[in-house]
Protein backbone atom coordinates (compact mmCIF):
# COMPACT_ATOMS: atom_id res chain seq x y z
CA UNK A 1 -28.71 22.79 81.77
CA UNK A 2 -30.35 22.00 78.42
CA UNK A 3 -28.59 24.99 76.86
CA UNK A 4 -25.24 23.76 78.22
CA UNK A 5 -25.85 20.26 76.81
CA UNK A 6 -26.70 21.73 73.40
CA UNK A 7 -23.51 23.81 73.40
CA UNK A 8 -21.38 20.75 74.22
CA UNK A 9 -23.14 18.75 71.52
CA UNK A 10 -22.59 21.45 68.91
CA UNK A 11 -18.94 21.87 69.93
CA UNK A 12 -18.35 18.13 69.56
CA UNK A 13 -20.13 18.19 66.18
CA UNK A 14 -17.87 20.98 64.96
CA UNK A 15 -14.77 19.19 66.26
CA UNK A 16 -15.76 15.83 64.73
CA UNK A 17 -16.71 17.50 61.44
CA UNK A 18 -13.35 19.26 61.31
CA UNK A 19 -11.53 15.97 61.94
CA UNK A 20 -13.52 14.33 59.13
CA UNK A 21 -12.52 17.11 56.75
CA UNK A 22 -8.84 16.80 57.73
CA UNK A 23 -8.96 13.03 57.20
CA UNK A 24 -10.73 13.50 53.86
CA UNK A 25 -8.12 15.99 52.65
CA UNK A 26 -5.35 13.63 53.76
CA UNK A 27 -6.88 10.71 51.83
CA UNK A 28 -7.38 12.79 48.69
CA UNK A 29 -3.69 13.67 48.53
CA UNK A 30 -2.43 10.33 49.80
CA UNK A 31 -0.33 8.78 47.03
CA UNK A 32 1.95 6.32 48.81
CA UNK A 33 0.68 2.85 49.68
CA UNK A 34 -2.90 3.69 48.69
CA UNK A 35 -3.39 0.17 47.33
CA UNK A 36 -2.43 -1.31 50.70
CA UNK A 37 -4.77 1.04 52.53
CA UNK A 38 -7.60 0.20 50.14
CA UNK A 39 -7.03 -3.54 50.50
CA UNK A 40 -7.08 -3.19 54.29
CA UNK A 41 -10.40 -1.31 54.08
CA UNK A 42 -11.83 -4.05 51.87
CA UNK A 43 -10.51 -6.61 54.36
CA UNK A 44 -12.36 -4.93 57.21
CA UNK A 45 -15.53 -4.93 55.13
CA UNK A 46 -15.18 -8.62 54.25
CA UNK A 47 -14.35 -9.66 57.82
CA UNK A 48 -17.28 -7.65 59.19
CA UNK A 49 -19.63 -9.14 56.61
CA UNK A 50 -18.44 -12.66 57.41
CA UNK A 51 -18.87 -12.20 61.17
CA UNK A 52 -22.32 -10.68 60.78
CA UNK A 53 -23.44 -13.56 58.56
CA UNK A 54 -22.10 -16.14 61.03
CA UNK A 55 -23.95 -14.53 63.94
CA UNK A 56 -27.16 -14.15 61.91
CA UNK A 57 -27.16 -17.57 60.24
CA UNK A 58 -29.02 -19.31 63.08
CA UNK A 59 -32.13 -17.15 62.61
CA UNK A 60 -32.19 -17.54 58.81
CA UNK A 61 -34.83 -20.07 57.74
CA UNK A 62 -32.90 -21.47 54.81
CA UNK A 63 -32.73 -24.88 53.22
CA UNK A 64 -29.75 -27.14 53.85
CA UNK A 65 -27.94 -26.26 50.61
CA UNK A 66 -28.59 -22.54 50.98
CA UNK A 67 -27.42 -22.58 54.60
CA UNK A 68 -24.21 -24.42 53.64
CA UNK A 69 -23.55 -21.95 50.79
CA UNK A 70 -24.13 -19.01 53.14
CA UNK A 71 -21.83 -20.55 55.76
CA UNK A 72 -19.10 -21.07 53.15
CA UNK A 73 -19.54 -17.48 52.00
CA UNK A 74 -19.23 -16.23 55.59
CA UNK A 75 -16.10 -18.29 56.33
CA UNK A 76 -14.39 -17.28 53.06
CA UNK A 77 -15.25 -13.61 53.66
CA UNK A 78 -13.92 -13.77 57.21
CA UNK A 79 -10.71 -15.58 56.24
CA UNK A 80 -9.99 -13.44 53.20
CA UNK A 81 -10.88 -10.29 55.14
CA UNK A 82 -8.43 -11.07 57.94
CA UNK A 83 -5.77 -11.90 55.34
CA UNK A 84 -6.44 -8.63 53.50
CA UNK A 85 -5.95 -6.69 56.75
CA UNK A 86 -2.79 -8.53 57.84
CA UNK A 87 -0.90 -8.84 54.54
CA UNK A 88 -0.53 -5.07 53.83
CA UNK A 89 0.68 -4.54 57.41
CA UNK A 90 3.42 -7.15 57.00
CA UNK A 91 4.64 -5.47 53.80
CA UNK A 92 4.71 -8.90 52.15
CA UNK A 93 5.97 -9.10 48.58
CA UNK A 94 2.72 -10.07 46.85
CA UNK A 95 1.03 -9.16 43.59
CA UNK A 96 -1.54 -6.60 44.69
CA UNK A 97 -3.31 -6.84 41.32
CA UNK A 98 -3.83 -10.61 41.75
CA UNK A 99 -4.93 -10.05 45.35
CA UNK A 100 -7.51 -7.51 44.18
CA UNK A 101 -8.82 -9.97 41.59
CA UNK A 102 -9.19 -12.62 44.33
CA UNK A 103 -11.14 -10.13 46.46
CA UNK A 104 -13.28 -9.22 43.43
CA UNK A 105 -14.17 -12.90 42.83
CA UNK A 106 -15.11 -13.28 46.50
CA UNK A 107 -17.27 -10.12 46.32
CA UNK A 108 -19.15 -11.50 43.30
CA UNK A 109 -19.69 -14.81 45.10
CA UNK A 110 -20.89 -12.97 48.21
CA UNK A 111 -23.26 -10.80 46.16
CA UNK A 112 -24.82 -13.87 44.50
CA UNK A 113 -25.33 -15.61 47.86
CA UNK A 114 -26.78 -12.44 49.40
CA UNK A 115 -29.24 -11.99 46.54
CA UNK A 116 -30.33 -15.65 46.74
CA UNK A 117 -30.74 -15.46 50.53
CA UNK A 118 -32.75 -12.25 50.24
CA UNK A 119 -34.98 -13.94 47.65
CA UNK A 120 -35.54 -16.96 49.89
CA UNK A 121 -36.11 -14.90 53.04
CA UNK A 122 -38.37 -12.22 51.56
CA UNK A 123 -41.54 -13.90 52.93
CA UNK A 124 -40.10 -14.96 56.29
CA UNK A 125 -40.55 -11.60 58.02
CA UNK A 126 -36.80 -10.92 58.13
CA UNK A 127 -35.80 -7.51 56.77
CA UNK A 128 -33.67 -8.17 53.67
CA UNK A 129 -32.89 -4.55 52.78
CA UNK A 130 -29.45 -4.82 54.39
CA UNK A 131 -28.68 -7.98 52.40
CA UNK A 132 -29.70 -6.35 49.14
CA UNK A 133 -27.70 -3.21 49.90
CA UNK A 134 -24.59 -5.23 50.79
CA UNK A 135 -25.05 -7.36 47.68
CA UNK A 136 -25.31 -4.33 45.40
CA UNK A 137 -22.30 -2.69 47.07
CA UNK A 138 -20.23 -5.88 46.76
CA UNK A 139 -21.17 -6.29 43.09
CA UNK A 140 -20.35 -2.65 42.23
CA UNK A 141 -16.96 -2.81 43.98
CA UNK A 142 -16.21 -6.14 42.27
CA UNK A 143 -16.96 -4.67 38.83
CA UNK A 144 -14.73 -1.68 39.57
CA UNK A 145 -11.94 -4.02 40.68
CA UNK A 146 -12.20 -6.04 37.46
CA UNK A 147 -12.36 -2.95 35.21
CA UNK A 148 -9.87 -0.68 37.02
CA UNK A 149 -7.49 -2.97 38.96
CA UNK A 150 -4.61 -0.48 38.74
CA UNK A 151 -6.47 2.72 39.56
CA UNK A 152 -9.21 1.44 41.88
CA UNK A 153 -7.36 2.16 45.11
CA UNK A 154 -6.55 5.74 44.19
CA UNK A 155 -10.03 6.35 42.75
CA UNK A 156 -11.97 5.05 45.73
CA UNK A 157 -9.68 6.64 48.30
CA UNK A 158 -10.26 9.99 46.61
CA UNK A 159 -13.99 9.26 46.54
CA UNK A 160 -13.91 8.40 50.26
CA UNK A 161 -11.95 11.61 50.83
CA UNK A 162 -14.61 13.66 49.04
CA UNK A 163 -17.39 11.97 51.05
CA UNK A 164 -15.56 12.62 54.33
CA UNK A 165 -14.96 16.27 53.44
CA UNK A 166 -18.61 16.73 52.45
CA UNK A 167 -19.78 14.99 55.64
CA UNK A 168 -17.46 17.11 57.78
CA UNK A 169 -18.61 20.32 56.12
CA UNK A 170 -22.23 19.26 56.56
CA UNK A 171 -21.72 18.64 60.27
CA UNK A 172 -19.96 21.96 60.79
CA UNK A 173 -22.58 23.95 58.84
CA UNK A 174 -25.37 22.09 60.67
CA UNK A 175 -23.82 22.91 64.05
CA UNK A 176 -23.45 26.61 63.18
CA UNK A 177 -27.00 26.69 61.82
CA UNK A 178 -28.47 25.10 64.97
CA UNK A 179 -26.40 27.45 67.15
CA UNK A 180 -27.76 30.45 65.21
CA UNK A 181 -31.35 29.21 65.50
CA UNK A 182 -30.87 28.58 69.23
CA UNK A 183 -29.56 32.12 69.76
CA UNK A 184 -32.51 33.59 67.85
CA UNK A 185 -34.91 31.47 69.90
CA UNK A 186 -33.33 32.56 73.20
CA UNK A 187 -33.44 36.22 72.12
CA UNK A 188 -37.12 35.96 71.18
CA UNK A 189 -37.89 34.17 74.45
CA UNK A 190 -36.20 36.95 76.44
CA UNK A 191 -38.12 39.62 74.48
CA UNK A 192 -41.45 37.83 75.05
CA UNK A 193 -40.68 37.47 78.75
CA UNK A 194 -39.81 41.14 78.97
CA UNK A 195 -43.08 42.11 77.30
CA UNK A 196 -45.09 39.86 79.65
CA UNK A 197 -43.31 41.31 82.69
CA UNK A 198 -43.87 44.86 81.43
CA UNK A 199 -47.60 44.25 80.86
CA UNK A 200 -48.03 42.59 84.26
CA UNK A 201 -46.32 45.52 85.98
CA UNK A 202 -48.79 47.92 84.34
CA UNK A 203 -51.70 45.90 85.72
């Protein structure tokens, strides 16, 4: 039963890894509407960040001003994130460059609030590693948006494609490696059992 479960797990890993590689290759060679796709991805990130902050705000021991600033950050992230997801889908005639600059400004604002909150909460027992990581990520993406507003979508989509391909390859190689180790283990177990049976029959 355990062997059957392992085989199913490895098969799913190979299948999922292959799908990741296919998606990664598709993104790397995707040229049309890459800005819209990238903006939608940023929108999902902003909306998720805003929702998480709203749900976590009640357990943050912050001062009144800090709590208000964090709430404003969460609401702006949520609103802008939803807008960034919807607008590309409606094929609205907007300036994508201006839209990216707006998102970049929001990411800088979010990063500042996250760093301040992490500084204020560092002695409260709340783990602030996630805040710091999100703040650094937001700041890096914002800088890239300001420096490369025209090429950022294509660059990051290709980067995401490379990461997906590498992740897919890693999963496939890991599955084959575990399958090989499992076969060697089963073979050795059978050989040991045969030796034990042979010795017991001599006795």
